Protein backbone atom coordinates (compact mmCIF):
# COMPACT_ATOMS: atom_id res chain seq x y z
CA MET A 1 124.84 104.55 114.55
CA ASN A 2 126.42 103.98 111.15
CA ILE A 3 124.32 101.28 109.43
CA LEU A 4 124.82 99.43 106.15
CA PHE A 5 121.76 97.92 104.43
CA LEU A 6 122.05 95.10 101.87
CA PRO A 7 118.56 94.44 100.41
CA LYS A 8 117.79 92.02 97.58
CA LEU A 9 115.58 94.63 95.88
CA LEU A 10 116.05 98.38 95.77
CA PRO A 11 113.74 99.94 98.39
CA ARG A 12 111.56 102.52 96.66
CA ALA A 13 108.74 104.71 97.94
CA ASP A 14 106.44 103.69 95.09
CA ILE A 15 106.69 99.89 95.35
CA ILE A 16 104.55 97.54 97.42
CA GLY A 17 105.67 94.46 99.36
CA GLY A 18 109.02 93.87 101.07
CA PRO A 19 110.84 96.83 99.45
CA ILE A 20 108.43 99.34 101.00
CA LEU A 21 109.07 97.82 104.43
CA ILE A 22 112.82 98.37 103.97
CA TYR A 23 112.21 101.87 102.61
CA HIS A 24 110.36 102.81 105.80
CA ARG A 25 112.98 101.17 108.03
CA ILE A 26 115.66 103.31 106.39
CA LYS A 27 113.53 106.46 106.39
CA ASN A 28 112.63 106.15 110.07
CA LEU A 29 116.10 105.15 111.27
CA SER A 30 117.46 108.19 109.42
CA SER A 31 114.91 110.44 111.12
CA MET A 32 116.17 109.07 114.46
CA GLY A 33 119.66 110.35 113.62
CA HIS A 34 121.32 107.21 112.25
CA LYS A 35 123.57 107.32 109.18
CA ILE A 36 122.56 104.92 106.43
CA THR A 37 124.57 103.44 103.56
CA LEU A 38 122.77 101.30 100.98
CA ILE A 39 124.17 98.76 98.51
CA ALA A 40 121.41 97.33 96.33
CA PRO A 41 120.83 95.73 92.93
CA ALA A 42 119.17 97.87 90.26
CA TYR A 43 117.15 95.64 87.95
CA THR A 44 115.03 98.18 86.08
CA ASP A 45 115.22 101.69 84.66
CA GLU A 46 112.87 102.74 87.47
CA ASP A 47 115.42 101.43 89.98
CA ARG A 48 118.26 103.26 88.27
CA THR A 49 116.49 106.63 88.22
CA ASP A 50 114.72 106.43 91.59
CA LYS A 51 115.71 109.11 94.10
CA SER A 52 113.19 108.48 96.87
CA LEU A 53 115.80 107.32 99.41
CA GLU A 54 118.35 110.05 98.73
CA PRO A 55 117.15 112.32 101.58
CA PHE A 56 117.67 109.50 104.08
CA CYS A 57 121.02 107.95 103.05
CA GLU A 58 124.64 109.07 103.32
CA GLN A 59 125.47 106.94 100.30
CA ILE A 60 123.45 104.85 97.84
CA ILE A 61 125.34 102.41 95.63
CA LYS A 62 123.21 100.82 92.93
CA ILE A 63 124.61 97.79 91.14
CA ASP A 64 123.26 97.14 87.64
CA SER A 65 121.91 93.59 87.80
CA ILE A 66 119.92 91.04 85.84
CA ARG A 67 117.26 88.88 87.45
CA GLU A 68 117.64 85.57 85.64
CA ARG A 69 120.99 84.00 84.78
CA PRO A 70 121.44 81.56 81.90
CA GLU A 71 121.57 77.98 83.18
CA PRO A 72 125.27 77.47 82.26
CA GLU A 73 126.21 80.48 84.42
CA VAL A 74 124.16 79.12 87.32
CA ASP A 75 125.90 75.74 86.93
CA ALA A 76 129.33 77.38 86.98
CA LEU A 77 128.52 79.42 90.10
CA TYR A 78 127.02 76.35 91.77
CA LYS A 79 130.30 74.47 91.32
CA ARG A 80 132.44 77.44 92.40
CA LEU A 81 130.46 78.71 95.40
CA ASN A 82 128.78 75.49 96.58
CA ARG A 83 125.50 77.27 97.35
CA PRO A 84 121.92 76.24 96.52
CA ARG A 85 120.85 77.30 93.05
CA ASN A 86 118.04 79.56 94.27
CA PHE A 87 120.75 81.73 95.90
CA LEU A 88 122.46 82.21 92.54
CA THR A 89 119.73 83.62 90.29
CA GLY A 90 116.47 85.56 90.52
CA ASP A 91 115.84 88.51 92.85
CA GLY A 92 118.88 88.85 95.10
CA GLY A 93 120.79 86.07 93.35
CA TYR A 94 124.54 86.14 93.90
CA SER A 95 126.35 89.09 92.32
CA GLU A 96 130.13 89.29 92.19
CA ARG A 97 129.79 93.06 91.71
CA ILE A 98 127.78 93.40 94.92
CA GLU A 99 130.33 91.29 96.79
CA ASP A 100 133.26 93.33 95.45
CA THR A 101 131.46 96.57 96.31
CA LEU A 102 130.78 95.33 99.83
CA LYS A 103 134.46 94.48 100.32
CA SER A 104 135.50 97.92 99.06
CA VAL A 105 132.99 99.74 101.28
CA LEU A 106 134.10 97.73 104.33
CA LYS A 107 137.71 98.82 103.73
CA GLU A 108 136.73 102.50 103.59
CA ASN A 109 134.07 102.68 106.34
CA HIS A 110 133.32 101.34 109.78
CA PHE A 111 129.72 100.28 110.43
CA ASP A 112 128.07 99.68 113.77
CA ALA A 113 125.63 97.29 112.09
CA ILE A 114 125.16 95.53 108.75
CA ILE A 115 121.62 94.43 107.91
CA ALA A 116 121.07 91.89 105.13
CA GLU A 117 117.42 92.38 104.16
CA TYR A 118 115.90 89.08 103.01
CA ALA A 119 117.63 85.83 103.91
CA MET A 120 119.01 85.68 100.36
CA MET A 121 121.39 88.54 101.15
CA GLY A 122 122.77 86.76 104.20
CA GLN A 123 125.15 84.97 101.82
CA TYR A 124 127.30 88.13 101.76
CA ILE A 125 127.60 88.14 105.55
CA GLU A 126 128.43 84.43 105.65
CA SER A 127 131.08 84.60 102.92
CA ASN A 128 132.72 87.80 104.20
CA ARG A 129 132.61 87.17 107.93
CA SER A 130 136.41 87.45 108.21
CA LEU A 131 136.36 90.96 106.67
CA ILE A 132 133.69 92.35 108.99
CA PRO A 133 135.11 93.97 112.15
CA ALA A 134 134.48 92.11 115.40
CA ASP A 135 132.53 95.05 116.87
CA THR A 136 130.12 95.30 113.91
CA LEU A 137 126.71 93.74 114.60
CA THR A 138 125.69 91.50 111.69
CA VAL A 139 121.96 91.03 111.14
CA ILE A 140 120.02 88.86 108.70
CA SER A 141 116.43 89.99 108.30
CA VAL A 142 114.45 86.87 107.38
CA HIS A 143 111.30 87.80 105.49
CA GLU A 144 110.67 84.11 104.80
CA CYS A 145 112.33 80.85 105.84
CA TYR A 146 113.24 79.33 102.47
CA THR A 147 113.51 75.81 103.85
CA LYS A 148 109.99 75.94 105.30
CA ALA A 149 108.65 77.47 102.08
CA PHE A 150 110.14 74.62 100.02
CA GLU A 151 108.79 72.04 102.48
CA LEU A 152 105.27 73.47 102.14
CA ARG A 153 105.51 73.46 98.35
CA ALA A 154 106.68 69.84 98.35
CA GLU A 155 103.82 68.86 100.69
CA LYS A 156 101.39 70.40 98.21
CA GLY A 157 102.72 68.19 95.44
CA GLU A 158 105.41 70.27 93.75
CA ALA A 159 108.34 68.22 92.43
CA ILE A 160 110.99 69.30 94.94
CA SER A 161 113.30 66.51 96.06
CA ALA A 162 114.32 65.79 99.64
CA ASP A 163 117.96 66.29 98.59
CA THR A 164 117.16 69.78 97.27
CA ILE A 165 115.49 70.73 100.55
CA LYS A 166 118.36 69.27 102.59
CA GLU A 167 120.95 71.21 100.57
CA LEU A 168 118.93 74.40 100.99
CA SER A 169 118.47 73.86 104.72
CA ASN A 170 122.17 73.17 105.31
CA TYR A 171 123.22 76.41 103.63
CA GLU A 172 120.38 78.59 104.92
CA PHE A 173 121.07 77.72 108.55
CA LYS A 174 124.84 77.95 108.03
CA MET A 175 124.19 81.59 107.05
CA TYR A 176 122.13 82.22 110.15
CA ASP A 177 124.87 80.73 112.34
CA ALA A 178 127.30 83.28 110.88
CA ALA A 179 125.17 86.28 111.92
CA ASP A 180 124.91 87.92 115.34
CA ARG A 181 121.16 88.55 115.14
CA ILE A 182 118.28 87.13 113.13
CA LEU A 183 115.22 89.31 112.58
CA THR A 184 111.85 87.76 111.83
CA LEU A 185 108.64 89.58 111.00
CA THR A 186 106.49 87.41 113.25
CA ARG A 187 106.80 85.27 116.37
CA GLU A 188 105.56 82.31 114.33
CA ASP A 189 108.44 82.72 111.88
CA GLY A 190 110.90 82.78 114.76
CA ASN A 191 109.44 79.52 116.03
CA ILE A 192 109.83 77.98 112.56
CA LEU A 193 113.55 78.82 112.57
CA ILE A 194 113.96 77.45 116.11
CA SER A 195 112.20 74.21 115.13
CA HIS A 196 114.86 73.69 112.45
CA ALA A 197 117.81 74.97 114.51
CA PRO A 198 117.18 75.28 118.27
CA GLY A 199 120.57 76.94 118.74
CA LEU A 200 119.29 80.10 117.04
CA LYS A 201 116.85 80.88 119.85
CA ASP A 202 118.98 83.52 121.59
CA LYS A 203 119.78 85.30 118.30
CA ILE A 204 116.21 85.82 117.11
CA ARG A 205 114.35 89.11 117.54
CA VAL A 206 110.89 89.88 116.18
CA VAL A 207 110.60 93.22 114.38
CA PRO A 208 107.19 93.36 112.69
CA HIS A 209 106.05 94.74 109.39
CA GLY A 210 104.41 98.15 109.40
CA VAL A 211 102.01 100.31 107.46
CA ASP A 212 102.08 103.98 106.50
CA THR A 213 98.89 105.01 108.30
CA ALA A 214 99.17 108.59 107.02
CA PHE A 215 99.07 107.35 103.42
CA TYR A 216 96.76 104.34 103.59
CA THR A 217 93.47 105.79 104.78
CA PRO A 218 89.81 105.02 104.04
CA SER A 219 88.14 106.66 101.07
CA GLU A 220 85.56 109.36 101.67
CA ASN A 221 83.41 107.48 99.15
CA LYS A 222 82.53 104.55 101.40
CA SER A 223 82.03 101.15 99.79
CA TRP A 224 78.63 100.70 101.41
CA ALA A 225 77.44 103.87 99.67
CA ARG A 226 78.64 102.57 96.27
CA ASN A 227 76.73 99.29 96.62
CA THR A 228 79.52 97.35 94.87
CA LYS A 229 80.62 93.74 95.48
CA ASN A 230 84.33 93.92 94.71
CA ILE A 231 86.65 91.24 96.15
CA LEU A 232 90.39 91.92 96.05
CA TYR A 233 93.55 89.84 96.18
CA LEU A 234 96.76 91.84 95.91
CA GLY A 235 100.33 90.53 95.74
CA ASN A 236 103.63 90.34 93.89
CA PHE A 237 103.10 87.48 91.46
CA THR A 238 106.80 86.81 91.00
CA HIS A 239 106.43 85.25 94.48
CA TYR A 240 104.67 81.94 93.81
CA PRO A 241 102.59 81.77 97.03
CA ASN A 242 100.59 84.71 95.63
CA VAL A 243 99.88 82.84 92.39
CA ASP A 244 98.86 79.79 94.40
CA ALA A 245 96.53 81.88 96.57
CA VAL A 246 94.61 83.24 93.56
CA LYS A 247 94.26 79.74 92.14
CA ASN A 248 93.02 78.52 95.54
CA PHE A 249 90.35 81.21 95.66
CA ILE A 250 89.07 80.64 92.13
CA SER A 251 89.14 76.83 92.46
CA HIS A 252 87.61 76.48 95.92
CA CYS A 253 85.54 79.62 96.59
CA TRP A 254 84.52 81.49 93.48
CA HIS A 255 81.64 79.35 92.23
CA ARG A 256 80.14 79.16 95.72
CA ILE A 257 80.29 82.94 96.04
CA LEU A 258 78.75 83.56 92.60
CA ARG A 259 75.78 81.32 93.40
CA GLU A 260 74.94 83.54 96.39
CA VAL A 261 76.17 86.90 95.06
CA PRO A 262 75.89 86.80 91.24
CA ASP A 263 77.05 90.42 90.82
CA ALA A 264 80.31 89.82 92.74
CA LYS A 265 83.57 90.67 90.99
CA PHE A 266 87.04 89.34 91.81
CA TYR A 267 90.21 91.37 91.18
CA ALA A 268 93.68 89.78 91.38
CA ILE A 269 96.13 92.64 91.05
CA GLY A 270 99.90 92.80 91.38
CA CYS A 271 103.29 92.82 89.72
CA ASN A 272 103.95 90.44 86.82
CA PRO A 273 100.84 88.21 86.76
CA PRO A 274 101.83 84.98 84.94
CA GLN A 275 99.97 83.51 81.99
CA GLU A 276 98.37 80.81 84.15
CA LEU A 277 96.51 83.57 86.03
CA LEU A 278 95.79 85.68 82.95
CA ASP A 279 94.11 82.60 81.45
CA LEU A 280 91.58 82.63 84.33
CA ARG A 281 90.12 86.02 83.38
CA SER A 282 86.40 86.26 82.63
CA ASP A 283 83.59 88.81 82.74
CA ASN A 284 83.74 88.91 86.53
CA ILE A 285 87.39 87.93 87.15
CA THR A 286 90.04 90.56 86.48
CA VAL A 287 93.77 89.77 86.61
CA GLN A 288 95.98 92.76 85.95
CA GLU A 289 99.30 94.47 86.61
CA GLY A 290 99.44 96.98 89.45
CA GLY A 291 102.12 97.74 91.97
CA THR A 292 102.72 101.40 92.76
CA ASN A 293 101.61 102.94 96.04
CA GLU A 294 99.20 105.46 94.52
CA ASN A 295 97.68 102.78 92.32
CA VAL A 296 97.35 100.30 95.19
CA ARG A 297 95.76 102.74 97.62
CA GLN A 298 93.00 103.47 95.12
CA ILE A 299 92.52 99.75 94.51
CA TYR A 300 91.97 99.18 98.24
CA ARG A 301 89.52 102.08 98.34
CA ASP A 302 87.56 100.69 95.38
CA SER A 303 87.25 97.25 96.99
CA ASP A 304 84.75 95.83 99.47
CA VAL A 305 86.47 92.71 100.84
CA LEU A 306 90.17 91.77 100.89
CA VAL A 307 90.91 88.04 100.70
CA ALA A 308 94.14 86.19 101.56
CA PRO A 309 93.66 82.44 100.86
CA ILE A 310 97.36 81.72 101.39
CA GLU A 311 98.64 78.17 101.84
CA LEU A 312 102.33 78.59 100.98
CA GLY A 313 105.20 80.69 102.28
CA THR A 314 105.79 82.32 105.63
CA GLY A 315 106.40 85.88 106.78
CA PHE A 316 104.17 88.89 107.32
CA ARG A 317 101.58 89.98 104.74
CA GLY A 318 101.94 93.75 104.69
CA LYS A 319 99.08 94.02 102.22
CA LEU A 320 96.68 92.96 104.97
CA LEU A 321 97.73 95.95 107.08
CA GLU A 322 97.43 98.30 104.10
CA GLY A 323 93.92 97.08 103.32
CA MET A 324 92.92 97.24 106.98
CA ALA A 325 94.26 100.81 107.22
CA CYS A 326 91.92 101.65 104.31
CA GLY A 327 89.00 100.22 106.31
CA LEU A 328 88.70 96.96 104.36
CA PRO A 329 87.35 93.85 106.10
CA VAL A 330 89.59 90.82 105.55
CA VAL A 331 88.99 87.10 105.09
CA ALA A 332 92.22 85.11 105.44
CA THR A 333 93.74 81.74 106.18
CA ARG A 334 95.55 81.39 109.49
CA LEU A 335 98.93 81.34 107.72
CA ALA A 336 98.19 84.71 106.10
CA THR A 337 97.65 86.36 109.49
CA PHE A 338 101.06 85.57 111.02
CA GLY A 339 102.19 88.56 113.07
CA ILE A 340 98.80 90.27 113.30
CA HIS A 341 97.39 87.96 116.01
CA PRO A 342 93.75 88.60 115.13
CA VAL A 343 90.62 87.41 116.90
CA ASN A 344 88.21 85.79 114.47
CA GLY A 345 85.35 88.18 113.76
CA ARG A 346 87.17 91.29 115.00
CA GLY A 347 88.59 93.15 112.01
CA MET A 348 88.82 89.98 109.96
CA PHE A 349 87.49 86.48 109.56
CA ILE A 350 89.90 83.53 109.63
CA ALA A 351 89.28 80.17 107.97
CA ASP A 352 91.46 77.37 106.61
CA ASP A 353 88.39 75.47 105.39
CA TYR A 354 87.24 76.91 102.06
CA ASN A 355 83.55 76.30 102.77
CA ALA A 356 83.85 78.56 105.81
CA PHE A 357 86.10 80.97 103.88
CA SER A 358 83.45 81.34 101.17
CA ARG A 359 80.67 81.81 103.74
CA TYR A 360 82.55 84.68 105.38
CA VAL A 361 83.05 86.44 102.03
CA ILE A 362 79.37 85.97 101.12
CA MET A 363 78.28 87.24 104.53
CA LEU A 364 80.36 90.43 104.16
CA LEU A 365 79.17 91.09 100.61
CA LYS A 366 75.51 90.72 101.62
CA ASP A 367 75.60 92.61 104.93
CA VAL A 368 76.59 96.27 104.59
CA GLU A 369 76.48 96.95 108.33
CA LEU A 370 78.72 93.97 109.08
CA ARG A 371 81.17 95.11 106.41
CA LYS A 372 81.23 98.59 107.91
CA ARG A 373 81.71 97.34 111.48
CA ILE A 374 84.47 94.83 110.65
CA GLY A 375 86.23 97.40 108.45
CA MET A 376 86.32 100.01 111.22
CA ILE A 377 87.75 97.48 113.69
CA ALA A 378 90.36 96.57 111.05
CA LEU A 379 91.31 100.24 110.72
CA THR A 380 91.80 100.60 114.48
CA ARG A 381 93.94 97.45 114.55
CA ALA A 382 96.13 98.65 111.66
CA MET A 383 96.96 101.91 113.46
CA LYS A 384 98.98 99.90 116.01
CA PHE A 385 101.34 98.76 113.24
CA ASP A 386 102.57 102.14 112.00
CA HIS A 387 106.08 101.90 110.49
CA LYS A 388 107.46 104.26 113.15
CA HIS A 389 106.70 101.74 115.91
CA ALA A 390 108.47 98.98 113.98
CA ALA A 391 111.54 101.19 113.40
CA GLU A 392 111.73 101.99 117.11
CA LYS A 393 111.80 98.27 117.86
CA LEU A 394 114.52 97.73 115.25
CA GLU A 395 116.58 100.51 116.81
CA ARG A 396 116.37 98.80 120.21
CA VAL A 397 117.65 95.56 118.67
CA LEU A 398 120.58 97.35 117.03
CA LYS A 399 121.50 99.13 120.25
CA GLU A 400 121.75 95.81 122.09
CA GLY A 401 125.08 95.32 120.34
CA LYS A 402 126.78 91.95 120.13
């Protein structure tokens, strides 16, 4: 098949989060014999010079882009395009150059499928539906339902008006109506979309996240031999649910844990930590930048417990699989485990109540044998989510046709 990918961030082999998922989708589909074309924004010098996808793509078109638009430009686009403002700026925000490039590429090539990676990029499918051949399968890969994410933030007290959410919902689901297939990372995310728009039910397919089980492996220097008490949260802090999760942990769990385990240390590591997290640093709380694969693998290996106290957002937390593949026991909220379908106490502990959440972390830090046993079960569970299995499922969806 000839497949065009439109991601909101350039997929690179050295970056964590959503881009690494797309990188492995492209890499594995290419290894199956499919021809891949990529149109993607390039926000940084690292994006512009990266060559990690070149062996797997027929053509890579990078569009020089800026993340944040000045407010007057956003206002002008809002009036011209009649789309919610969060579709017009930030990662994947509307780019006339990307749209023009897409139109040009469509004139010169025929694609069996077009995949917009992240719902944000579905705007190019919706606005160019008339230019896409009738026999081309159009797919929007929804890493997160934006409407649900905004609803959760409003419920937690953020100043987001009902009109803003309604405007977002109207456009988001208009996009999904324009596509032939909707991919979600979890069954739960599919159900969220159906609850907002029951007519999408027959379009939705679940293609899960994956993990590179050849790369993410346990350290030979086992944590129980080091006798450390290192707790890890890892995430991209430009995505606010990750900021909120760190604040949740420090506000609701940290003092309880320190009373029981005074030598515990908490590490919040990821891309672009904001000042509100940097201000929380102390002798036993570290907040720092970190986001490359090599760097992250070592961080997992140096940790004893991975926590995911997530209350906002939807989607699949690939970092849980990476940590599990490194043999880390996990303590997470139910929301954080979407797509993994864990059993409490087997590979991870699950708690939405922060008293219970804290108790699980304390229990793991104090009990080396429990930490070892839960970590080994986590490793076995992670092996079932290798990226190759996810790519095979994606291929089956694409071969369904329209």
